[in-house]
Amino acid sequence: MVSKEKLARINQLAKKAKENSLTAEEAREQSKLRREYLETFRSSMANTLENVTVIDPEGNDVTPEKLKRIKANKKIH
């Protein structure tokens, strides 16, 4: 998870970019922080999806096969 301080810095740089322009160093920092945030978000989302089971209104498991394979591979490792 990205710290509150890093998230605040991302927002601070985004606000500055809208109002003025960022220095080259600030642009690199913004890019690095955004990349870190997106990696964390994607990892968290993948983990969430890997723990989901889809059930239809009749109570049948309709989880997509691709997701079932991913779950099975996780159990093996």
PDB file of N, CA and C in Angstrom:
ATOM      1  N   MET A   1       0.839  -1.180   0.000  1.00  0.00           N
ATOM      2  CA  MET A   1       0.000   0.000   0.000  1.00  0.00           C
ATOM      3  C   MET A   1       0.884   1.244   0.000  1.00  0.00           C
ATOM      4  N   VAL A   2       0.484   2.225  -0.750  1.00  0.00           N
ATOM      5  CA  VAL A   2       1.224   3.475  -0.832  1.00  0.00           C
ATOM      6  C   VAL A   2       0.921   4.292   0.422  1.00  0.00           C
ATOM      7  N   SER A   3       1.957   4.856   1.018  1.00  0.00           N
ATOM      8  CA  SER A   3       1.775   5.616   2.254  1.00  0.00           C
ATOM      9  C   SER A   3       0.963   6.890   2.003  1.00  0.00           C
ATOM     10  N   LYS A   4       0.387   7.408   3.077  1.00  0.00           N
ATOM     11  CA  LYS A   4      -0.384   8.651   2.974  1.00  0.00           C
ATOM     12  C   LYS A   4       0.503   9.798   2.518  1.00  0.00           C
ATOM     13  N   GLU A   5       1.749   9.775   2.947  1.00  0.00           N
ATOM     14  CA  GLU A   5       2.675  10.837   2.564  1.00  0.00           C
ATOM     15  C   GLU A   5       2.937  10.816   1.059  1.00  0.00           C
ATOM     16  N   LYS A   6       3.132   9.618   0.519  1.00  0.00           N
ATOM     17  CA  LYS A   6       3.383   9.509  -0.924  1.00  0.00           C
ATOM     18  C   LYS A   6       2.147   9.905  -1.722  1.00  0.00           C
ATOM     19  N   LEU A   7       0.977   9.487  -1.249  1.00  0.00           N
ATOM     20  CA  LEU A   7      -0.260   9.843  -1.929  1.00  0.00           C
ATOM     21  C   LEU A   7      -0.469  11.357  -1.894  1.00  0.00           C
ATOM     22  N   ALA A   8      -0.170  11.976  -0.761  1.00  0.00           N
ATOM     23  CA  ALA A   8      -0.274  13.441  -0.656  1.00  0.00           C
ATOM     24  C   ALA A   8       0.697  14.112  -1.620  1.00  0.00           C
ATOM     25  N   ARG A   9       1.883  13.545  -1.753  1.00  0.00           N
ATOM     26  CA  ARG A   9       2.883  14.116  -2.672  1.00  0.00           C
ATOM     27  C   ARG A   9       2.428  13.978  -4.121  1.00  0.00           C
ATOM     28  N   ILE A  10       1.836  12.845  -4.464  1.00  0.00           N
ATOM     29  CA  ILE A  10       1.295  12.652  -5.820  1.00  0.00           C
ATOM     30  C   ILE A  10       0.269  13.746  -6.111  1.00  0.00           C
ATOM     31  N   ASN A  11      -0.630  13.963  -5.166  1.00  0.00           N
ATOM     32  CA  ASN A  11      -1.674  14.976  -5.351  1.00  0.00           C
ATOM     33  C   ASN A  11      -1.089  16.385  -5.412  1.00  0.00           C
ATOM     34  N   GLN A  12      -0.084  16.637  -4.592  1.00  0.00           N
ATOM     35  CA  GLN A  12       0.567  17.942  -4.588  1.00  0.00           C
ATOM     36  C   GLN A  12       1.221  18.221  -5.947  1.00  0.00           C
ATOM     37  N   LEU A  13       1.904  17.232  -6.483  1.00  0.00           N
ATOM     38  CA  LEU A  13       2.560  17.407  -7.788  1.00  0.00           C
ATOM     39  C   LEU A  13       1.530  17.557  -8.907  1.00  0.00           C
ATOM     40  N   ALA A  14       0.435  16.821  -8.816  1.00  0.00           N
ATOM     41  CA  ALA A  14      -0.612  16.929  -9.839  1.00  0.00           C
ATOM     42  C   ALA A  14      -1.214  18.331  -9.824  1.00  0.00           C
ATOM     43  N   LYS A  15      -1.456  18.857  -8.627  1.00  0.00           N
ATOM     44  CA  LYS A  15      -2.008  20.212  -8.505  1.00  0.00           C
ATOM     45  C   LYS A  15      -1.034  21.244  -9.073  1.00  0.00           C
ATOM     46  N   LYS A  16       0.241  21.083  -8.743  1.00  0.00           N
ATOM     47  CA  LYS A  16       1.249  22.016  -9.240  1.00  0.00           C
ATOM     48  C   LYS A  16       1.345  21.954 -10.766  1.00  0.00           C
ATOM     49  N   ALA A  17       1.242  20.749 -11.311  1.00  0.00           N
ATOM     50  CA  ALA A  17       1.322  20.578 -12.770  1.00  0.00           C
ATOM     51  C   ALA A  17       0.160  21.284 -13.464  1.00  0.00           C
ATOM     52  N   LYS A  18      -1.009  21.297 -12.835  1.00  0.00           N
ATOM     53  CA  LYS A  18      -2.168  21.972 -13.428  1.00  0.00           C
ATOM     54  C   LYS A  18      -2.026  23.485 -13.352  1.00  0.00           C
ATOM     55  N   GLU A  19      -1.474  23.969 -12.246  1.00  0.00           N
ATOM     56  CA  GLU A  19      -1.369  25.411 -12.034  1.00  0.00           C
ATOM     57  C   GLU A  19      -0.189  26.029 -12.788  1.00  0.00           C
ATOM     58  N   ASN A  20       0.938  25.377 -12.737  1.00  0.00           N
ATOM     59  CA  ASN A  20       2.159  25.866 -13.378  1.00  0.00           C
ATOM     60  C   ASN A  20       2.739  24.744 -14.219  1.00  0.00           C
ATOM     61  N   SER A  21       4.026  24.608 -14.122  1.00  0.00           N
ATOM     62  CA  SER A  21       4.670  23.463 -14.750  1.00  0.00           C
ATOM     63  C   SER A  21       5.654  22.878 -13.754  1.00  0.00           C
ATOM     64  N   LEU A  22       5.924  21.599 -13.913  1.00  0.00           N
ATOM     65  CA  LEU A  22       6.847  20.909 -13.031  1.00  0.00           C
ATOM     66  C   LEU A  22       8.277  21.036 -13.549  1.00  0.00           C
ATOM     67  N   THR A  23       9.213  21.031 -12.631  1.00  0.00           N
ATOM     68  CA  THR A  23      10.617  20.975 -13.035  1.00  0.00           C
ATOM     69  C   THR A  23      10.879  19.560 -13.538  1.00  0.00           C
ATOM     70  N   ALA A  24      11.996  19.369 -14.177  1.00  0.00           N
ATOM     71  CA  ALA A  24      12.344  18.038 -14.683  1.00  0.00           C
ATOM     72  C   ALA A  24      12.438  17.043 -13.526  1.00  0.00           C
ATOM     73  N   GLU A  25      13.010  17.486 -12.418  1.00  0.00           N
ATOM     74  CA  GLU A  25      13.141  16.597 -11.254  1.00  0.00           C
ATOM     75  C   GLU A  25      11.772  16.241 -10.675  1.00  0.00           C
ATOM     76  N   GLU A  26      10.881  17.218 -10.592  1.00  0.00           N
ATOM     77  CA  GLU A  26       9.531  16.956 -10.083  1.00  0.00           C
ATOM     78  C   GLU A  26       8.765  16.029 -11.020  1.00  0.00           C
ATOM     79  N   ALA A  27       8.945  16.195 -12.311  1.00  0.00           N
ATOM     80  CA  ALA A  27       8.275  15.321 -13.287  1.00  0.00           C
ATOM     81  C   ALA A  27       8.748  13.880 -13.127  1.00  0.00           C
ATOM     82  N   ARG A  28      10.059  13.688 -12.903  1.00  0.00           N
ATOM     83  CA  ARG A  28      10.584  12.331 -12.672  1.00  0.00           C
ATOM     84  C   ARG A  28      10.013  11.756 -11.379  1.00  0.00           C
ATOM     85  N   GLU A  29       9.962  12.581 -10.339  1.00  0.00           N
ATOM     86  CA  GLU A  29       9.405  12.129  -9.065  1.00  0.00           C
ATOM     87  C   GLU A  29       7.939  11.746  -9.223  1.00  0.00           C
ATOM     88  N   GLN A  30       7.185  12.557  -9.934  1.00  0.00           N
ATOM     89  CA  GLN A  30       5.765  12.285 -10.166  1.00  0.00           C
ATOM     90  C   GLN A  30       5.591  10.971 -10.922  1.00  0.00           C
ATOM     91  N   SER A  31       6.398  10.774 -11.937  1.00  0.00           N
ATOM     92  CA  SER A  31       6.325   9.549 -12.727  1.00  0.00           C
ATOM     93  C   SER A  31       6.631   8.323 -11.869  1.00  0.00           C
ATOM     94  N   LYS A  32       7.670   8.417 -11.047  1.00  0.00           N
ATOM     95  CA  LYS A  32       8.052   7.312 -10.174  1.00  0.00           C
ATOM     96  C   LYS A  32       6.946   7.005  -9.174  1.00  0.00           C
ATOM     97  N   LEU A  33       6.388   8.043  -8.553  1.00  0.00           N
ATOM     98  CA  LEU A  33       5.325   7.848  -7.566  1.00  0.00           C
ATOM     99  C   LEU A  33       4.068   7.268  -8.203  1.00  0.00           C
ATOM    100  N   ARG A  34       3.713   7.740  -9.375  1.00  0.00           N
ATOM    101  CA  ARG A  34       2.534   7.212 -10.069  1.00  0.00           C
ATOM    102  C   ARG A  34       2.723   5.741 -10.441  1.00  0.00           C
ATOM    103  N   ARG A  35       3.932   5.415 -10.904  1.00  0.00           N
ATOM    104  CA  ARG A  35       4.229   4.024 -11.262  1.00  0.00           C
ATOM    105  C   ARG A  35       4.081   3.122 -10.030  1.00  0.00           C
ATOM    106  N   GLU A  36       4.630   3.572  -8.917  1.00  0.00           N
ATOM    107  CA  GLU A  36       4.532   2.806  -7.671  1.00  0.00           C
ATOM    108  C   GLU A  36       3.072   2.642  -7.245  1.00  0.00           C
ATOM    109  N   TYR A  37       2.294   3.715  -7.350  1.00  0.00           N
ATOM    110  CA  TYR A  37       0.878   3.669  -6.990  1.00  0.00           C
ATOM    111  C   TYR A  37       0.130   2.673  -7.881  1.00  0.00           C
ATOM    112  N   LEU A  38       0.369   2.740  -9.185  1.00  0.00           N
ATOM    113  CA  LEU A  38      -0.329   1.840 -10.110  1.00  0.00           C
ATOM    114  C   LEU A  38       0.058   0.375  -9.892  1.00  0.00           C
ATOM    115  N   GLU A  39       1.331   0.105  -9.617  1.00  0.00           N
ATOM    116  CA  GLU A  39       1.758  -1.262  -9.340  1.00  0.00           C
ATOM    117  C   GLU A  39       1.047  -1.802  -8.102  1.00  0.00           C
ATOM    118  N   THR A  40       0.967  -0.983  -7.065  1.00  0.00           N
ATOM    119  CA  THR A  40       0.287  -1.380  -5.833  1.00  0.00           C
ATOM    120  C   THR A  40      -1.192  -1.619  -6.087  1.00  0.00           C
ATOM    121  N   PHE A  41      -1.825  -0.704  -6.829  1.00  0.00           N
ATOM    122  CA  PHE A  41      -3.249  -0.833  -7.136  1.00  0.00           C
ATOM    123  C   PHE A  41      -3.524  -2.100  -7.933  1.00  0.00           C
ATOM    124  N   ARG A  42      -2.734  -2.333  -8.964  1.00  0.00           N
ATOM    125  CA  ARG A  42      -2.936  -3.510  -9.817  1.00  0.00           C
ATOM    126  C   ARG A  42      -2.740  -4.810  -9.033  1.00  0.00           C
ATOM    127  N   SER A  43      -1.746  -4.837  -8.186  1.00  0.00           N
ATOM    128  CA  SER A  43      -1.487  -6.015  -7.366  1.00  0.00           C
ATOM    129  C   SER A  43      -2.663  -6.282  -6.428  1.00  0.00           C
ATOM    130  N   SER A  44      -3.148  -5.237  -5.813  1.00  0.00           N
ATOM    131  CA  SER A  44      -4.283  -5.365  -4.901  1.00  0.00           C
ATOM    132  C   SER A  44      -5.537  -5.834  -5.642  1.00  0.00           C
ATOM    133  N   MET A  45      -5.775  -5.264  -6.814  1.00  0.00           N
ATOM    134  CA  MET A  45      -6.949  -5.644  -7.604  1.00  0.00           C
ATOM    135  C   MET A  45      -6.846  -7.094  -8.062  1.00  0.00           C
ATOM    136  N   ALA A  46      -5.680  -7.514  -8.500  1.00  0.00           N
ATOM    137  CA  ALA A  46      -5.487  -8.900  -8.930  1.00  0.00           C
ATOM    138  C   ALA A  46      -5.737  -9.848  -7.762  1.00  0.00           C
ATOM    139  N   ASN A  47      -5.230  -9.503  -6.591  1.00  0.00           N
ATOM    140  CA  ASN A  47      -5.435 -10.325  -5.407  1.00  0.00           C
ATOM    141  C   ASN A  47      -6.923 -10.428  -5.069  1.00  0.00           C
ATOM    142  N   THR A  48      -7.624  -9.312  -5.157  1.00  0.00           N
ATOM    143  CA  THR A  48      -9.065  -9.313  -4.887  1.00  0.00           C
ATOM    144  C   THR A  48      -9.796 -10.212  -5.872  1.00  0.00           C
ATOM    145  N   LEU A  49      -9.499 -10.057  -7.156  1.00  0.00           N
ATOM    146  CA  LEU A  49     -10.186 -10.850  -8.172  1.00  0.00           C
ATOM    147  C   LEU A  49      -9.886 -12.339  -8.041  1.00  0.00           C
ATOM    148  N   GLU A  50      -8.682 -12.669  -7.612  1.00  0.00           N
ATOM    149  CA  GLU A  50      -8.315 -14.072  -7.462  1.00  0.00           C
ATOM    150  C   GLU A  50      -9.061 -14.742  -6.313  1.00  0.00           C
ATOM    151  N   ASN A  51      -9.704 -13.956  -5.469  1.00  0.00           N
ATOM    152  CA  ASN A  51     -10.452 -14.505  -4.343  1.00  0.00           C
ATOM    153  C   ASN A  51     -11.960 -14.369  -4.516  1.00  0.00           C
ATOM    154  N   VAL A  52     -12.388 -14.094  -5.748  1.00  0.00           N
ATOM    155  CA  VAL A  52     -13.811 -13.916  -6.034  1.00  0.00           C
ATOM    156  C   VAL A  52     -14.378 -15.193  -6.648  1.00  0.00           C
ATOM    157  N   THR A  53     -15.573 -15.532  -6.220  1.00  0.00           N
ATOM    158  CA  THR A  53     -16.333 -16.615  -6.851  1.00  0.00           C
ATOM    159  C   THR A  53     -17.635 -16.003  -7.325  1.00  0.00           C
ATOM    160  N   VAL A  54     -17.984 -16.229  -8.583  1.00  0.00           N
ATOM    161  CA  VAL A  54     -19.193 -15.656  -9.165  1.00  0.00           C
ATOM    162  C   VAL A  54     -20.307 -16.701  -9.113  1.00  0.00           C
ATOM    163  N   ILE A  55     -21.414 -16.316  -8.483  1.00  0.00           N
ATOM    164  CA  ILE A  55     -22.574 -17.200  -8.342  1.00  0.00           C
ATOM    165  C   ILE A  55     -23.765 -16.550  -9.041  1.00  0.00           C
ATOM    166  N   ASP A  56     -24.454 -17.308  -9.903  1.00  0.00           N
ATOM    167  CA  ASP A  56     -25.624 -16.764 -10.586  1.00  0.00           C
ATOM    168  C   ASP A  56     -26.847 -16.824  -9.652  1.00  0.00           C
ATOM    169  N   PRO A  57     -27.971 -16.245 -10.066  1.00  0.00           N
ATOM    170  CA  PRO A  57     -29.159 -16.201  -9.209  1.00  0.00           C
ATOM    171  C   PRO A  57     -29.681 -17.589  -8.780  1.00  0.00           C
ATOM    172  N   GLU A  58     -29.374 -18.624  -9.562  1.00  0.00           N
ATOM    173  CA  GLU A  58     -29.819 -19.970  -9.218  1.00  0.00           C
ATOM    174  C   GLU A  58     -28.846 -20.672  -8.260  1.00  0.00           C
ATOM    175  N   GLY A  59     -27.748 -20.027  -7.942  1.00  0.00           N
ATOM    176  CA  GLY A  59     -26.774 -20.602  -7.020  1.00  0.00           C
ATOM    177  C   GLY A  59     -25.663 -21.390  -7.689  1.00  0.00           C
ATOM    178  N   ASN A  60     -25.564 -21.319  -9.001  1.00  0.00           N
ATOM    179  CA  ASN A  60     -24.518 -22.032  -9.729  1.00  0.00           C
ATOM    180  C   ASN A  60     -23.234 -21.212  -9.773  1.00  0.00           C
ATOM    181  N   ASP A  61     -22.113 -21.899  -9.649  1.00  0.00           N
ATOM    182  CA  ASP A  61     -20.812 -21.237  -9.756  1.00  0.00           C
ATOM    183  C   ASP A  61     -20.549 -20.952 -11.231  1.00  0.00           C
ATOM    184  N   VAL A  62     -20.500 -19.686 -11.591  1.00  0.00           N
ATOM    185  CA  VAL A  62     -20.261 -19.285 -12.979  1.00  0.00           C
ATOM    186  C   VAL A  62     -18.958 -18.478 -13.092  1.00  0.00           C
ATOM    187  N   THR A  63     -18.046 -18.762 -12.194  1.00  0.00           N
ATOM    188  CA  THR A  63     -16.746 -18.097 -12.228  1.00  0.00           C
ATOM    189  C   THR A  63     -16.076 -18.421 -13.560  1.00  0.00           C
ATOM    190  N   PRO A  64     -15.532 -17.415 -14.242  1.00  0.00           N
ATOM    191  CA  PRO A  64     -14.869 -17.671 -15.531  1.00  0.00           C
ATOM    192  C   PRO A  64     -13.750 -18.710 -15.378  1.00  0.00           C
ATOM    193  N   GLU A  65     -13.596 -19.549 -16.389  1.00  0.00           N
ATOM    194  CA  GLU A  65     -12.596 -20.620 -16.365  1.00  0.00           C
ATOM    195  C   GLU A  65     -11.177 -20.079 -16.151  1.00  0.00           C
ATOM    196  N   LYS A  66     -10.884 -18.955 -16.763  1.00  0.00           N
ATOM    197  CA  LYS A  66      -9.552 -18.372 -16.614  1.00  0.00           C
ATOM    198  C   LYS A  66      -9.267 -18.082 -15.138  1.00  0.00           C
ATOM    199  N   LEU A  67     -10.236 -17.544 -14.431  1.00  0.00           N
ATOM    200  CA  LEU A  67     -10.076 -17.246 -13.014  1.00  0.00           C
ATOM    201  C   LEU A  67      -9.954 -18.529 -12.193  1.00  0.00           C
ATOM    202  N   LYS A  68     -10.699 -19.551 -12.562  1.00  0.00           N
ATOM    203  CA  LYS A  68     -10.599 -20.846 -11.868  1.00  0.00           C
ATOM    204  C   LYS A  68      -9.194 -21.431 -12.030  1.00  0.00           C
ATOM    205  N   ARG A  69      -8.619 -21.311 -13.232  1.00  0.00           N
ATOM    206  CA  ARG A  69      -7.257 -21.815 -13.462  1.00  0.00           C
ATOM    207  C   ARG A  69      -6.237 -21.050 -12.631  1.00  0.00           C
ATOM    208  N   ILE A  70      -6.414 -19.745 -12.551  1.00  0.00           N
ATOM    209  CA  ILE A  70      -5.492 -18.930 -11.745  1.00  0.00           C
ATOM    210  C   ILE A  70      -5.565 -19.351 -10.282  1.00  0.00           C
ATOM    211  N   LYS A  71      -6.770 -19.552  -9.779  1.00  0.00           N
ATOM    212  CA  LYS A  71      -6.949 -19.987  -8.391  1.00  0.00           C
ATOM    213  C   LYS A  71      -6.294 -21.343  -8.153  1.00  0.00           C
ATOM    214  N   ALA A  72      -6.484 -22.263  -9.106  1.00  0.00           N
ATOM    215  CA  ALA A  72      -5.908 -23.602  -8.978  1.00  0.00           C
ATOM    216  C   ALA A  72      -4.391 -23.541  -8.958  1.00  0.00           C
ATOM    217  N   ASN A  73      -3.806 -22.709  -9.803  1.00  0.00           N
ATOM    218  CA  ASN A  73      -2.351 -22.557  -9.844  1.00  0.00           C
ATOM    219  C   ASN A  73      -1.818 -21.957  -8.549  1.00  0.00           C
ATOM    220  N   LYS A  74      -2.559 -21.065  -7.938  1.00  0.00           N
ATOM    221  CA  LYS A  74      -2.138 -20.455  -6.664  1.00  0.00           C
ATOM    222  C   LYS A  74      -2.105 -21.497  -5.559  1.00  0.00           C
ATOM    223  N   LYS A  75      -3.076 -22.422  -5.564  1.00  0.00           N
ATOM    224  CA  LYS A  75      -3.146 -23.447  -4.534  1.00  0.00           C
ATOM    225  C   LYS A  75      -1.978 -24.427  -4.651  1.00  0.00           C
ATOM    226  N   ILE A  76      -1.518 -24.665  -5.885  1.00  0.00           N
ATOM    227  CA  ILE A  76      -0.426 -25.594  -6.127  1.00  0.00           C
ATOM    228  C   ILE A  76       0.871 -25.014  -5.578  1.00  0.00           C
ATOM    229  N   HIS A  77       1.092 -23.730  -5.769  1.00  0.00           N
ATOM    230  CA  HIS A  77       2.341 -23.086  -5.356  1.00  0.00           C
ATOM    231  C   HIS A  77       2.266 -22.824  -3.924  1.00  0.00           C
TER     232      HIS A  77
END
